[in-house]
Protein backbone atom coordinates (compact mmCIF):
# COMPACT_ATOMS: atom_id res chain seq x y z
CA UNK A 1 -13.27 17.90 7.90
CA UNK A 2 -14.69 14.83 6.43
CA UNK A 3 -17.71 13.10 6.80
CA UNK A 4 -19.90 11.30 4.08
CA UNK A 5 -21.13 8.00 3.39
CA UNK A 6 -18.00 6.15 1.86
CA UNK A 7 -16.96 4.70 -1.40
CA UNK A 8 -16.67 1.17 0.41
CA UNK A 9 -18.72 -0.61 2.86
CA UNK A 10 -18.13 0.11 6.08
CA UNK A 11 -19.38 -2.14 8.76
CA UNK A 12 -22.84 -1.20 10.45
CA UNK A 13 -21.72 -2.89 13.95
CA UNK A 14 -19.00 -1.37 15.28
CA UNK A 15 -18.76 2.33 16.73
CA UNK A 16 -15.19 2.87 16.13
CA UNK A 17 -12.06 5.78 17.27
CA UNK A 18 -9.32 5.28 14.95
CA UNK A 19 -5.67 6.73 14.43
CA UNK A 20 -2.60 6.54 12.94
CA UNK A 21 0.84 8.72 13.88
CA UNK A 22 3.10 5.93 11.50
CA UNK A 23 4.20 8.83 9.46
CA UNK A 24 4.85 13.26 9.16
CA UNK A 25 0.23 13.14 8.85
CA UNK A 26 -1.59 12.70 11.64
CA UNK A 27 -4.66 10.36 10.53
CA UNK A 28 -8.06 9.95 13.27
CA UNK A 29 -10.78 9.22 12.30
CA UNK A 30 -14.78 7.67 13.67
CA UNK A 31 -16.54 4.93 12.50
CA UNK A 32 -20.57 5.03 13.40
CA UNK A 33 -23.21 4.39 11.93
CA UNK A 34 -21.75 2.98 8.87
CA UNK A 35 -20.59 6.24 7.99
CA UNK A 36 -16.52 7.64 9.21
CA UNK A 37 -15.73 11.39 9.26
CA UNK A 38 -11.80 11.32 9.21
CA UNK A 39 -9.39 14.23 9.62
CA UNK A 40 -5.96 14.27 7.54
CA UNK A 41 -3.35 16.94 9.36
CA UNK A 42 0.79 17.56 10.22
CA UNK A 43 1.63 14.75 12.54
CA UNK A 44 4.86 14.21 13.20
CA UNK A 45 6.43 15.98 16.28
CA UNK A 46 3.27 17.66 17.59
CA UNK A 47 1.00 14.84 17.20
CA UNK A 48 2.18 13.87 20.67
CA UNK A 49 0.42 17.20 21.92
CA UNK A 50 -2.55 17.09 19.70
CA UNK A 51 -3.65 13.92 19.62
CA UNK A 52 -5.97 13.05 22.15
CA UNK A 53 -7.55 16.67 21.78
CA UNK A 54 -8.20 16.08 18.21
CA UNK A 55 -9.58 12.48 18.69
CA UNK A 56 -12.22 14.06 21.22
CA UNK A 57 -12.78 16.45 19.67
CA UNK A 58 -13.57 14.51 16.46
CA UNK A 59 -15.85 12.31 19.04
CA UNK A 60 -18.19 15.08 20.43
CA UNK A 61 -18.95 16.51 16.80
CA UNK A 62 -20.28 13.29 16.31
CA UNK A 63 -22.39 13.05 19.27
CA UNK A 64 -20.14 10.14 20.60
CA UNK A 65 -17.79 9.86 23.54
CA UNK A 66 -15.35 7.62 24.08
CA UNK A 67 -17.68 5.53 26.17
CA UNK A 68 -19.90 4.92 23.23
CA UNK A 69 -16.63 2.95 21.48
CA UNK A 70 -16.60 -0.71 20.59
CA UNK A 71 -12.81 -0.79 19.68
CA UNK A 72 -10.11 1.89 18.95
CA UNK A 73 -7.66 0.79 16.42
CA UNK A 74 -4.22 2.06 15.38
CA UNK A 75 -1.67 2.12 13.01
CA UNK A 76 0.67 0.21 14.50
CA UNK A 77 3.69 0.38 12.20
CA UNK A 78 6.20 -0.01 11.00
CA UNK A 79 6.97 4.21 10.42
CA UNK A 80 9.14 6.50 12.85
CA UNK A 81 9.55 5.28 16.06
CA UNK A 82 8.34 8.25 18.03
CA UNK A 83 5.02 8.27 16.28
CA UNK A 84 4.67 4.37 16.75
CA UNK A 85 5.20 4.46 20.40
CA UNK A 86 3.06 8.27 20.04
CA UNK A 87 0.03 5.98 18.75
CA UNK A 88 0.36 1.96 21.25
CA UNK A 89 0.33 4.39 23.99
CA UNK A 90 -2.70 6.79 23.60
CA UNK A 91 -4.75 3.63 22.29
CA UNK A 92 -4.21 1.80 25.23
CA UNK A 93 -4.37 4.52 27.60
CA UNK A 94 -7.63 4.85 25.96
CA UNK A 95 -8.65 1.85 26.08
CA UNK A 96 -7.71 1.06 29.71
CA UNK A 97 -9.38 3.75 30.73
CA UNK A 98 -12.73 2.97 28.82
CA UNK A 99 -12.90 -0.69 29.26
CA UNK A 100 -12.32 -0.98 24.90
CA UNK A 101 -9.99 -3.42 23.04
CA UNK A 102 -7.66 -2.49 20.05
CA UNK A 103 -7.25 -2.90 16.86
CA UNK A 104 -3.33 -3.00 15.85
CA UNK A 105 -3.53 -1.57 11.75
CA UNK A 106 -1.25 -2.28 9.88
CA UNK A 107 0.21 1.25 8.59
CA UNK A 108 1.42 0.04 5.24
CA UNK A 109 -1.27 -2.44 4.62
CA UNK A 110 -3.61 1.17 4.88
CA UNK A 111 -1.16 2.48 1.86
CA UNK A 112 -2.24 -0.41 0.28
CA UNK A 113 -6.06 0.83 1.00
CA UNK A 114 -5.45 4.34 0.13
CA UNK A 115 -3.81 3.08 -3.45
CA UNK A 116 -7.15 1.14 -3.79
CA UNK A 117 -9.61 3.72 -3.57
CA UNK A 118 -7.33 6.02 -5.64
CA UNK A 119 -6.49 3.14 -8.76
CA UNK A 120 -9.09 0.89 -7.77
CA UNK A 121 -5.96 -1.94 -7.80
CA UNK A 122 -6.13 -5.59 -6.32
CA UNK A 123 -1.95 -6.04 -6.37
CA UNK A 124 -0.24 -3.11 -4.88
CA UNK A 125 3.69 -3.38 -2.76
CA UNK A 126 3.43 -1.03 -0.73
CA UNK A 127 7.11 0.96 -0.54
CA UNK A 128 7.22 3.75 2.74
CA UNK A 129 10.71 5.86 3.21
CA UNK A 130 11.97 4.84 6.17
CA UNK A 131 15.68 7.67 6.43
CA UNK A 132 19.11 6.28 6.00
CA UNK A 133 18.72 5.30 2.95
CA UNK A 134 16.13 2.36 3.92
CA UNK A 135 12.72 1.22 2.89
CA UNK A 136 9.97 -0.07 4.56
CA UNK A 137 8.20 -2.31 2.24
CA UNK A 138 5.33 -4.50 2.14
CA UNK A 139 2.98 -6.35 -0.66
CA UNK A 140 -1.18 -7.00 0.07
CA UNK A 141 -3.46 -8.64 -2.25
CA UNK A 142 -6.83 -7.59 -2.49
CA UNK A 143 -9.31 -10.95 -2.77
CA UNK A 144 -13.18 -8.78 -2.52
CA UNK A 145 -13.54 -8.32 0.63
CA UNK A 146 -10.07 -7.66 2.82
CA UNK A 147 -6.38 -7.41 2.30
CA UNK A 148 -3.66 -10.22 2.18
CA UNK A 149 -0.24 -9.98 3.16
CA UNK A 150 1.48 -11.75 0.41
CA UNK A 151 4.63 -10.27 1.92
CA UNK A 152 4.87 -9.20 5.77
CA UNK A 153 6.60 -5.39 6.22
CA UNK A 154 10.46 -5.64 6.15
CA UNK A 155 13.19 -2.68 6.51
CA UNK A 156 14.94 -3.51 3.43
CA UNK A 157 18.64 -1.09 2.02
CA UNK A 158 17.40 0.78 -1.53
CA UNK A 159 19.68 -2.46 -3.42
CA UNK A 160 18.02 -5.48 -1.34
CA UNK A 161 14.26 -3.78 -2.43
CA UNK A 162 15.53 -3.23 -6.32
CA UNK A 163 16.85 -7.00 -6.24
CA UNK A 164 13.39 -8.29 -5.41
CA UNK A 165 11.85 -5.88 -7.64
CA UNK A 166 13.85 -7.64 -10.41
CA UNK A 167 13.29 -10.77 -9.19
CA UNK A 168 9.59 -10.66 -8.79
CA UNK A 169 8.64 -7.61 -10.97
CA UNK A 170 5.07 -5.45 -9.21
CA UNK A 171 2.31 -3.77 -11.34
CA UNK A 172 1.65 -1.33 -8.85
CA UNK A 173 3.77 0.55 -5.73
CA UNK A 174 2.44 2.81 -3.53
CA UNK A 175 3.88 5.19 -1.06
CA UNK A 176 6.45 8.34 -0.03
CA UNK A 177 10.10 5.76 -1.18
CA UNK A 178 8.77 7.09 -4.93
CA UNK A 179 9.37 10.09 -4.11
CA UNK A 180 12.26 10.13 -1.67
CA UNK A 181 14.37 7.94 -4.08
CA UNK A 182 12.97 8.59 -7.54
CA UNK A 183 15.20 6.96 -10.61
CA UNK A 184 16.80 4.63 -7.94
CA UNK A 185 13.76 2.39 -7.44
CA UNK A 186 14.09 -0.33 -10.23
CA UNK A 187 10.16 0.11 -11.29
CA UNK A 188 9.86 -1.01 -15.00
CA UNK A 189 8.43 1.01 -17.15
CA UNK A 190 4.58 0.31 -17.49
CA UNK A 191 4.69 0.32 -13.13
CA UNK A 192 1.53 2.01 -11.94
CA UNK A 193 2.98 5.20 -9.46
CA UNK A 194 1.44 6.61 -5.95
CA UNK A 195 3.64 8.25 -4.29
CA UNK A 196 1.07 10.84 -2.45
CA UNK A 197 -2.06 9.07 -0.35
CA UNK A 198 -5.47 10.65 -0.99
CA UNK A 199 -6.95 9.90 2.23
CA UNK A 200 -4.47 8.28 5.22
CA UNK A 201 -7.21 8.53 7.80
CA UNK A 202 -10.38 7.06 5.21
CA UNK A 203 -7.59 4.30 4.47
CA UNK A 204 -7.42 3.65 8.11
CA UNK A 205 -11.41 4.07 8.96
CA UNK A 206 -12.18 1.28 6.27
CA UNK A 207 -9.22 -1.33 7.22
CA UNK A 208 -10.19 -0.71 10.97
CA UNK A 209 -14.17 -1.85 10.16
CA UNK A 210 -12.77 -4.30 8.34
CA UNK A 211 -10.32 -5.71 10.61
CA UNK A 212 -13.14 -5.53 13.28
CA UNK A 213 -16.08 -7.54 10.83
CA UNK A 214 -13.16 -9.92 11.46
CA UNK A 215 -12.67 -10.25 14.91
CA UNK A 216 -9.34 -9.23 14.85
CA UNK A 217 -9.81 -6.44 18.87
CA UNK A 218 -7.92 -7.42 21.44
CA UNK A 219 -6.98 -6.66 24.75
CA UNK A 220 -5.32 -3.44 25.93
CA UNK A 221 -2.31 -5.03 27.19
CA UNK A 222 -1.74 -6.89 23.71
CA UNK A 223 -0.69 -4.41 21.79
CA UNK A 224 2.43 -3.54 20.34
CA UNK A 225 4.57 -1.77 17.65
CA UNK A 226 5.74 -2.80 14.69
CA UNK A 227 9.34 -1.00 14.43
CA UNK A 228 11.53 -3.81 12.62
CA UNK A 229 14.11 -1.25 13.11
CA UNK A 230 15.91 -1.51 16.85
CA UNK A 231 18.09 1.26 15.40
CA UNK A 232 16.86 4.99 15.45
CA UNK A 233 20.21 7.08 15.25
CA UNK A 234 23.00 7.24 13.02
CA UNK A 235 26.61 7.25 13.85
CA UNK A 236 28.63 10.39 12.25
CA UNK A 237 30.87 7.49 9.39
CA UNK A 238 26.67 6.56 8.71
CA UNK A 239 25.48 10.14 7.97
CA UNK A 240 28.73 10.68 5.91
CA UNK A 241 27.47 6.95 3.93
CA UNK A 242 24.03 8.20 3.32
CA UNK A 243 25.46 11.34 1.89
CA UNK A 244 28.05 9.44 -0.30
CA UNK A 245 25.61 7.40 -1.85
CA UNK A 246 22.75 10.40 -2.97
CA UNK A 247 25.65 12.54 -3.91
CA UNK A 248 26.79 9.05 -6.17
CA UNK A 249 23.47 8.96 -7.53
CA UNK A 250 22.93 12.37 -8.28
CA UNK A 251 26.03 12.79 -10.12
């Protein structure tokens, strides 16, 4: 558990509950009185069973109840299908029950925010392993107060991602695709690489506070996950194709 004054200023105007289950990690956070309490732990399949108890415990640890929260922020994707469905349904359920608005948070943008915390980056290409030999990719720029999306999140084949890197090089890449694809990524020699997050939960909390200050909160009925991929399972032929590609790359 992390409970301390954050490195970057948080809005003191809102009390926010935030969570993200878009990857195998689960991040939860509470922003209140300009401070944050954040918790990073294993997620994946168990997130659906543990998310709500963890959230209630985190609120209680800060002397808060759900009724004290001004808005509920959730990682809206892109990411794992089950994780996105879990986060969206929990956000809607809590928001409907407590009469609170929701704040969808771009799950790739929180990787950019974590990279900013680690290395002070103002421009970041985020590349997350999407399985099936594909990548969730997006590009972001920090203005000094907020993030701007310079390339909207997209699902890309490795070949398409590499082609884009060759056409428009980047200075820094963050995300799980670095470890998943390794030297198969067409990164220039001087590219800064941040494969592991310092704290997804803290990054999520800072983004939620920024979005709240911008007035992004919406009615829970409008909350939707960003899937990008309609298809969540591979055929036998597709699985064999991916295996063949990986074997060729390793040869």
